[in-house]
Protein backbone atom coordinates (compact mmCIF):
# COMPACT_ATOMS: atom_id res chain seq x y z
CA UNK A 1 111.07 33.94 -273.32
CA UNK A 2 112.11 30.54 -274.67
CA UNK A 3 115.68 29.28 -274.30
CA UNK A 4 117.17 28.64 -277.76
CA UNK A 5 120.31 26.77 -278.83
CA UNK A 6 121.73 26.34 -282.34
CA UNK A 7 124.18 23.81 -283.76
CA UNK A 8 125.91 23.21 -287.09
CA UNK A 9 125.98 19.67 -288.47
CA UNK A 10 129.45 18.63 -289.65
CA UNK A 11 128.50 15.24 -291.04
CA UNK A 12 125.53 13.58 -292.67
CA UNK A 13 123.54 11.79 -289.91
CA UNK A 14 120.06 11.37 -288.39
CA UNK A 15 118.59 14.38 -286.61
CA UNK A 16 117.75 12.50 -283.39
CA UNK A 17 121.23 10.94 -283.21
CA UNK A 18 122.85 14.35 -283.74
CA UNK A 19 120.77 16.12 -281.08
CA UNK A 20 121.01 13.27 -278.56
CA UNK A 21 124.79 13.70 -278.62
CA UNK A 22 124.70 17.51 -278.55
CA UNK A 23 122.16 17.69 -275.71
CA UNK A 24 123.47 14.63 -273.81
CA UNK A 25 119.92 13.27 -273.76
CA UNK A 26 118.28 10.07 -275.01
CA UNK A 27 116.86 9.83 -278.52
CA UNK A 28 113.37 9.38 -277.04
CA UNK A 29 113.69 12.71 -275.21
CA UNK A 30 114.85 14.35 -278.45
CA UNK A 31 111.80 12.81 -280.16
CA UNK A 32 109.59 14.52 -277.57
CA UNK A 33 111.15 17.91 -278.37
CA UNK A 34 110.48 17.28 -282.08
CA UNK A 35 106.89 16.20 -281.33
CA UNK A 36 106.33 19.42 -279.38
CA UNK A 37 107.50 21.44 -282.44
CA UNK A 38 110.68 22.72 -280.83
CA UNK A 39 113.23 21.72 -283.51
CA UNK A 40 114.10 23.53 -286.75
CA UNK A 41 116.53 22.64 -289.54
CA UNK A 42 117.64 25.66 -291.61
CA UNK A 43 114.70 27.58 -290.07
CA UNK A 44 112.17 24.95 -291.17
CA UNK A 45 110.13 23.16 -288.49
CA UNK A 46 110.76 19.40 -288.57
CA UNK A 47 108.28 16.72 -287.53
CA UNK A 48 110.32 13.52 -287.92
CA UNK A 49 113.14 12.33 -285.68
CA UNK A 50 114.72 10.36 -288.53
CA UNK A 51 115.34 13.32 -290.84
CA UNK A 52 118.76 12.91 -292.52
CA UNK A 53 120.91 15.98 -291.95
CA UNK A 54 123.35 17.33 -294.50
CA UNK A 55 126.74 18.87 -293.84
CA UNK A 56 126.65 22.55 -292.69
CA UNK A 57 122.93 22.54 -291.95
CA UNK A 58 121.81 24.66 -288.99
CA UNK A 59 119.76 22.96 -286.28
CA UNK A 60 117.88 25.19 -283.85
CA UNK A 61 116.14 24.00 -280.69
CA UNK A 62 113.60 26.28 -278.99
CA UNK A 63 113.10 24.73 -275.58
CA UNK A 64 109.58 25.02 -274.13
CA UNK A 65 108.93 27.26 -271.17
CA UNK A 66 108.29 25.71 -267.77
CA UNK A 67 104.56 25.73 -267.12
CA UNK A 68 103.26 26.76 -263.74
CA UNK A 69 102.41 23.89 -261.42
CA UNK A 70 98.79 22.82 -261.40
CA UNK A 71 96.82 23.10 -258.19
CA UNK A 72 98.16 19.90 -256.63
CA UNK A 73 98.28 19.66 -252.87
CA UNK A 74 101.91 19.98 -251.77
CA UNK A 75 101.86 18.81 -248.15
CA UNK A 76 105.55 17.99 -247.84
CA UNK A 77 108.90 19.74 -247.94
CA UNK A 78 112.28 18.68 -249.28
CA UNK A 79 115.63 19.34 -247.59
CA UNK A 80 117.86 21.60 -249.70
CA UNK A 81 121.55 20.78 -249.26
CA UNK A 82 122.88 23.47 -251.60
CA UNK A 83 121.61 26.07 -254.06
CA UNK A 84 123.08 28.63 -256.44
CA UNK A 85 122.06 30.23 -259.73
CA UNK A 86 122.91 27.11 -261.75
CA UNK A 87 121.70 24.16 -259.71
CA UNK A 88 119.99 22.81 -256.62
CA UNK A 89 121.11 19.82 -254.56
CA UNK A 90 118.40 18.15 -252.48
CA UNK A 91 117.92 15.21 -250.11
CA UNK A 92 114.91 13.40 -251.58
CA UNK A 93 112.68 11.73 -248.98
CA UNK A 94 111.62 8.10 -249.37
CA UNK A 95 108.15 7.71 -250.85
CA UNK A 96 108.39 10.74 -253.14
CA UNK A 97 108.15 10.15 -256.90
CA UNK A 98 110.61 12.28 -258.88
CA UNK A 99 108.58 13.28 -261.92
CA UNK A 100 104.98 13.01 -263.19
CA UNK A 101 103.77 10.01 -265.19
CA UNK A 102 100.30 8.75 -266.22
CA UNK A 103 100.28 6.28 -263.32
CA UNK A 104 101.33 8.87 -260.71
CA UNK A 105 98.41 10.55 -258.96
CA UNK A 106 100.20 12.33 -256.11
CA UNK A 107 102.44 15.39 -256.21
CA UNK A 108 106.02 14.72 -257.34
CA UNK A 109 109.43 16.32 -256.76
CA UNK A 110 109.01 18.26 -260.02
CA UNK A 111 105.64 19.56 -258.75
CA UNK A 112 107.35 20.67 -255.52
CA UNK A 113 110.10 22.46 -257.46
CA UNK A 114 107.54 24.30 -259.59
CA UNK A 115 105.44 25.09 -256.51
CA UNK A 116 108.50 26.70 -254.91
CA UNK A 117 109.02 28.83 -258.01
CA UNK A 118 112.49 27.41 -258.63
CA UNK A 119 113.79 28.04 -262.14
CA UNK A 120 114.27 24.73 -263.98
CA UNK A 121 115.91 23.49 -267.16
CA UNK A 122 113.61 22.33 -269.96
CA UNK A 123 116.03 20.14 -271.92
CA UNK A 124 114.48 16.85 -270.74
CA UNK A 125 110.90 17.71 -271.61
CA UNK A 126 107.88 18.95 -269.71
CA UNK A 127 107.52 16.09 -267.24
CA UNK A 128 111.19 16.07 -266.25
CA UNK A 129 111.99 19.77 -265.91
CA UNK A 130 115.33 20.11 -264.11
CA UNK A 131 115.82 16.38 -263.56
CA UNK A 132 119.36 15.32 -264.49
CA UNK A 133 119.13 11.89 -262.85
CA UNK A 134 116.35 10.22 -260.88
CA UNK A 135 115.91 8.08 -257.81
CA UNK A 136 113.28 5.36 -257.36
CA UNK A 137 110.24 6.40 -255.31
CA UNK A 138 111.32 4.38 -252.26
CA UNK A 139 114.96 5.49 -252.40
CA UNK A 140 116.00 8.56 -250.42
CA UNK A 141 119.05 10.73 -250.80
CA UNK A 142 121.07 13.23 -252.75
CA UNK A 143 120.02 14.52 -256.17
CA UNK A 144 121.16 17.44 -258.31
CA UNK A 145 118.57 19.54 -260.16
CA UNK A 146 119.52 21.84 -263.05
CA UNK A 147 118.14 25.37 -263.19
CA UNK A 148 119.03 26.02 -266.83
CA UNK A 149 119.77 24.06 -269.98
CA UNK A 150 123.49 24.84 -270.01
CA UNK A 151 123.94 23.41 -266.51
CA UNK A 152 121.71 20.45 -267.38
CA UNK A 153 123.76 19.62 -270.47
CA UNK A 154 127.07 19.88 -268.59
CA UNK A 155 125.81 17.61 -265.78
CA UNK A 156 124.30 15.11 -268.23
CA UNK A 157 127.64 14.83 -270.01
CA UNK A 158 129.30 14.00 -266.68
CA UNK A 159 126.71 11.28 -266.13
CA UNK A 160 127.48 9.84 -269.54
CA UNK A 161 131.27 9.95 -269.28
CA UNK A 162 131.06 8.61 -265.68
CA UNK A 163 132.96 11.54 -264.15
CA UNK A 164 129.96 12.21 -261.87
CA UNK A 165 130.39 10.04 -258.76
CA UNK A 166 127.38 8.43 -257.04
CA UNK A 167 127.62 6.32 -253.90
CA UNK A 168 124.72 4.65 -252.06
CA UNK A 169 124.27 3.00 -248.68
CA UNK A 170 122.09 -0.10 -248.32
CA UNK A 171 121.27 -2.72 -245.69
CA UNK A 172 121.14 -6.15 -247.32
CA UNK A 173 120.62 -9.78 -246.39
CA UNK A 174 122.23 -12.21 -246.44
CA UNK A 175 125.70 -10.58 -246.28
CA UNK A 176 128.02 -10.56 -249.29
CA UNK A 177 130.95 -12.96 -249.11
CA UNK A 178 133.58 -10.81 -250.85
CA UNK A 179 134.83 -7.41 -249.71
CA UNK A 180 134.32 -5.92 -253.19
CA UNK A 181 131.74 -7.40 -255.55
CA UNK A 182 131.38 -6.07 -259.10
CA UNK A 183 128.34 -6.91 -261.20
CA UNK A 184 128.36 -6.04 -264.88
CA UNK A 185 125.17 -7.30 -266.54
CA UNK A 186 122.67 -5.72 -268.98
CA UNK A 187 119.28 -4.63 -267.62
CA UNK A 188 115.88 -4.52 -269.30
CA UNK A 189 112.22 -4.82 -268.35
CA UNK A 190 111.58 -8.32 -267.02
CA UNK A 191 109.84 -10.64 -269.47
CA UNK A 192 108.17 -12.41 -266.52
CA UNK A 193 107.05 -9.49 -264.36
CA UNK A 194 106.45 -6.05 -265.90
CA UNK A 195 106.90 -4.36 -262.52
CA UNK A 196 110.48 -5.60 -262.32
CA UNK A 197 113.69 -5.11 -264.25
CA UNK A 198 115.98 -8.06 -264.93
CA UNK A 199 119.43 -8.96 -266.24
CA UNK A 200 118.53 -10.30 -269.66
CA UNK A 201 120.09 -10.36 -273.11
CA UNK A 202 119.29 -7.26 -275.13
CA UNK A 203 119.23 -4.99 -272.08
CA UNK A 204 121.20 -1.77 -271.59
CA UNK A 205 124.74 -2.11 -270.26
CA UNK A 206 124.91 -1.71 -266.48
CA UNK A 207 127.70 -1.89 -263.93
CA UNK A 208 127.63 -1.66 -260.12
CA UNK A 209 130.30 -2.21 -257.47
CA UNK A 210 129.39 -3.27 -253.93
CA UNK A 211 131.63 -2.81 -250.87
CA UNK A 212 131.19 -4.49 -247.49
CA UNK A 213 131.05 -1.94 -244.67
CA UNK A 214 129.78 -3.67 -241.52
CA UNK A 215 127.94 -6.79 -240.33
CA UNK A 216 124.93 -6.37 -238.07
CA UNK A 217 125.25 -7.46 -234.44
CA UNK A 218 123.55 -10.80 -235.20
CA UNK A 219 125.49 -11.10 -238.51
CA UNK A 220 122.26 -11.60 -240.48
CA UNK A 221 122.37 -8.24 -242.23
CA UNK A 222 125.14 -6.16 -243.71
CA UNK A 223 125.61 -2.47 -244.38
CA UNK A 224 127.15 -2.00 -247.81
CA UNK A 225 128.17 0.87 -250.07
CA UNK A 226 127.24 0.80 -253.75
CA UNK A 227 129.02 2.63 -256.55
CA UNK A 228 127.05 3.28 -259.74
CA UNK A 229 128.87 3.31 -263.07
CA UNK A 230 125.58 3.52 -264.99
CA UNK A 231 122.08 4.59 -264.01
CA UNK A 232 119.52 2.00 -265.03
CA UNK A 233 116.10 1.64 -263.41
CA UNK A 234 116.33 -0.47 -260.21
CA UNK A 235 120.00 -1.11 -261.04
CA UNK A 236 121.30 -1.74 -257.50
CA UNK A 237 118.34 -3.99 -256.63
CA UNK A 238 118.57 -6.00 -259.86
CA UNK A 239 122.33 -6.51 -259.61
CA UNK A 240 122.02 -7.63 -255.99
CA UNK A 241 119.37 -10.12 -257.06
CA UNK A 242 121.91 -11.77 -259.38
CA UNK A 243 123.91 -12.56 -256.22
CA UNK A 244 120.80 -13.83 -254.38
CA UNK A 245 120.91 -10.79 -252.09
CA UNK A 246 118.23 -8.20 -251.48
CA UNK A 247 117.81 -4.91 -249.67
CA UNK A 248 115.89 -4.99 -246.40
CA UNK A 249 112.40 -3.59 -246.99
CA UNK A 250 112.46 -4.35 -250.73
CA UNK A 251 109.31 -6.40 -251.27
CA UNK A 252 109.57 -6.36 -255.06
CA UNK A 253 112.94 -8.05 -255.47
CA UNK A 254 113.33 -9.64 -252.05
CA UNK A 255 111.35 -12.42 -250.38
CA UNK A 256 108.81 -10.95 -247.97
CA UNK A 257 109.63 -12.11 -244.45
CA UNK A 258 107.31 -12.00 -241.47
CA UNK A 259 110.01 -10.48 -239.26
CA UNK A 260 110.83 -7.68 -241.73
CA UNK A 261 109.86 -4.63 -239.68
CA UNK A 262 111.34 -2.08 -242.08
CA UNK A 263 108.80 0.55 -243.14
CA UNK A 264 110.78 1.43 -246.27
CA UNK A 265 113.46 0.04 -248.54
CA UNK A 266 116.81 0.65 -246.82
CA UNK A 267 118.54 2.22 -249.82
CA UNK A 268 119.92 5.76 -249.67
CA UNK A 269 121.82 7.88 -252.19
CA UNK A 270 124.55 9.02 -249.82
CA UNK A 271 127.27 10.93 -251.67
CA UNK A 272 127.33 12.79 -254.99
CA UNK A 273 130.22 14.65 -256.56
CA UNK A 274 130.66 16.37 -259.90
CA UNK A 275 132.38 19.30 -261.59
CA UNK A 276 130.35 22.48 -261.15
CA UNK A 277 129.15 23.71 -264.58
CA UNK A 278 130.39 27.28 -264.13
CA UNK A 279 133.21 27.22 -261.57
CA UNK A 280 134.72 23.98 -262.97
CA UNK A 281 135.55 22.96 -259.41
CA UNK A 282 134.71 19.51 -258.06
CA UNK A 283 131.92 19.76 -255.49
CA UNK A 284 130.73 17.00 -253.15
CA UNK A 285 127.48 16.59 -251.22
CA UNK A 286 126.42 14.10 -248.55
CA UNK A 287 122.76 13.49 -247.70
CA UNK A 288 122.03 12.60 -244.04
CA UNK A 289 120.07 9.39 -243.51
CA UNK A 290 116.33 9.65 -242.99
CA UNK A 291 115.21 9.02 -239.42
CA UNK A 292 113.60 5.60 -240.02
CA UNK A 293 116.66 4.22 -241.81
CA UNK A 294 118.97 5.68 -239.18
CA UNK A 295 116.93 4.13 -236.37
CA UNK A 296 117.05 0.70 -238.03
CA UNK A 297 120.84 0.89 -238.46
CA UNK A 298 121.43 2.20 -234.93
CA UNK A 299 119.40 -0.70 -233.54
CA UNK A 300 121.08 -3.43 -235.59
CA UNK A 301 124.69 -2.25 -235.84
CA UNK A 302 127.50 -1.03 -233.58
CA UNK A 303 127.10 2.75 -233.58
CA UNK A 304 130.78 3.70 -233.21
CA UNK A 305 131.79 1.45 -236.09
CA UNK A 306 128.97 2.83 -238.24
CA UNK A 307 130.34 6.34 -237.76
CA UNK A 308 133.75 5.18 -239.02
CA UNK A 309 132.68 3.19 -242.07
CA UNK A 310 130.19 5.79 -243.29
CA UNK A 311 132.71 8.61 -243.59
CA UNK A 312 132.34 9.67 -247.24
CA UNK A 313 136.06 9.69 -247.98
CA UNK A 314 136.46 6.22 -246.45
CA UNK A 315 133.79 4.90 -248.83
CA UNK A 316 135.26 6.59 -251.90
CA UNK A 317 138.77 5.40 -251.06
CA UNK A 318 137.49 1.86 -250.49
CA UNK A 319 136.42 1.63 -254.13
CA UNK A 320 139.50 3.40 -255.45
CA UNK A 321 141.81 1.06 -253.50
CA UNK A 322 139.93 -2.26 -253.27
CA UNK A 323 142.98 -4.12 -251.96
CA UNK A 324 143.78 -1.73 -249.11
């Protein structure tokens, strides 16, 4: 049975603008729902995103059912950090793409979720069932997945109003000079290289804060924490590039070096906290480092100091009290 939600329009405005706000989704995702014949105005099916709504009109959205996963080979597993009836928190491995796309041939995280028979929200469209926020293919770490549309909407609203906290760990070179570095620059698809994003005029607003944690033993690399205020594609990597820094193992934004022995980009979504959609309590989750990233850090950095500076509360407090 399809999940259905209804809303009353209080002002005259575009349908896609109205639903984007109500569903806490982008207008392009709303357009996909309209294209798939899921949206009705006063019980009449609509086909155009730009329909002008009138005051007191009823808008009904019939979300599509989750289709069963196709017969893709699922030869991997994903660590589950937490699960209840509303959501799932996982530790995504590096090298796993989050959701299907025309260019993606291998099984994705969404395929794995469907394969496991996990109930998923449908608010973001067929390809992104359950996905509230994504991580790049090479990035590992903590992600929350919504099991129903109510939870998805509540979590998406926290993403938008920035009450959902997201902290990353990265190994960069060369080291940053300042203890706290804040980059606030718009991001869009690069006009010079379509594989890359870039800080260019006309991009979407983006803000990242970087915090020094520890220098490597030879002082050539640095472990840093990153705090996301927005969630643009490649945001951390692009904002570091504006400071002439790059993440070890990042061969798209960083210069490829002969002595770079990293088998993956050393970027990890470490801590995630948000208000639970039903209990209204703040919950926090920490994703352990993958073995390869841990081995690299253990080899290059002082282990005892690493244990101190990677305590989640230490990292959070460092951003909250940058002068302490």
